[in-house]
Each structure stands twice: as C-alpha cells, then as structure tokens.
C-alpha cells in the first residue's frame, strides 16, 4: 500500500470516528451508573479480546497457505509477532473484573451479544472467504482508539472502584500508540492491490460501526437495580 493509500485509509477513518468517539464519551459520562457501565465494559471487552490471539493465529495460518502471495508472507510474520504481544490480555480483563467484585464466570460464562459477534465474526468471514489482510482494518481501529492517557485514573476516582480494576485501560493507553505506528509501517510497505486496499477499508469501517453499536449497548443497559424503563 502506498503512502497515499495509507493516507486515504486514515482519512476514511477520520470521517467516521467522531461517531465512535461520541459513543465512547457517552459510555464514560460521570454519574451513579458509571461503575456498572464499567463492569459491562469489562465483560464486553473480554468477549472481544479473548478472540484476538486465535483470530490472528488463524489469519497467519491462512497467509501461510498462500504461497507466492506477496502480501501473505510479511502479513503472517506481523500477525504471529503481534499475537504474542497480545497473548494474555484477556486475563488482564479477568483480573480487573475480579477487582470490581465480579466473578470470572460472569465474563466467561455469558453468551456474547450480537454486536460482539458482528465485530469479531466479520473478520473470520473475510479471512476465510476473501483475504486475511482484512484483519489490518480491524486492528487499525482497535489500536487507533486506545484509551486516553489518564482515563484509568479518572475512572478510578469517578467510580470509587479500586485502582487495580483499571490495569487493562492503563496498559493499553501506554501500549497501543506504539502498536499503531508498527501497523502503519506495515500497511505502508505491503504491496496491496486495489481489491485488498478496499477490503482493509471495508473491514475498518465495519469495525467502527460495530464497536460503536457495542458501546451504545453498554451505555443503554439499565444500571443494576433499575428497570429497563427507568
């Protein structure tokens, strides 16, 4: 992908990301429901993040089954390395949830809602039935919307929950900026054709839409003890 094509992808994301940022701000608005919203956020993000390593490993395997594809080799190497960087992050979320008083089974034993399946499941479809390069659009959005520096401390103050409940938010605020830089460098040097560039863009735009829907669902759910109509 040429630098101008990378710039076009970033421009397309710039046009739609205000919707995601608005949904994020609504989810984090201060008030008595924030602790419960944060617990719901941990549950949803665990359901998303536990799929990250298997998804990247599957995409890397698909790349390795495409001999002669000029994109597949470097993409597989990136995905294998990035999978190792992301390994265990779902356990961070379990530890954070435990610090809020949430039992692990409340994260691991619940049926993931449709927005989670839509967010992650589309990537499986594209990597199996189109090309694994689609996953770069997904990663670009997730790591390009890392928690803001200072969010963990703000949430701890506003919720009254233990600071140990916000380690994943804190760590991702520190880590994901560097990951986004690595991803940009990869996209910049991959020899993507027009169809692959389009696939990365479609994947990224879908990820923004699905993540926005997920955050809106977290915000709209009633606080514990409230009825859905209150």
Foldseek 3Di string as FASTA:
>chain_A
DAPVLLVVLVVLCVVQCVLLVVLVCLLCPFDQQNLQLVLLVLLQVLLQLVCQLVLLQVQLVLLVVDPPQQQSPVSSVVSVVVSVVSPPLSVLSCQLSVLSVHHSCVRVVDDHDPLSCQLPVVLVCCVVPPNNLLVLLSLLQVLVCQQAPPPLVVSCVRNVGDSSNCVSSNVSNVPSVVVNVVSSVSVNPRPDDPVSSVSNSVSNVSNSVSSSVSSNVSSQDDRPPDDSVD
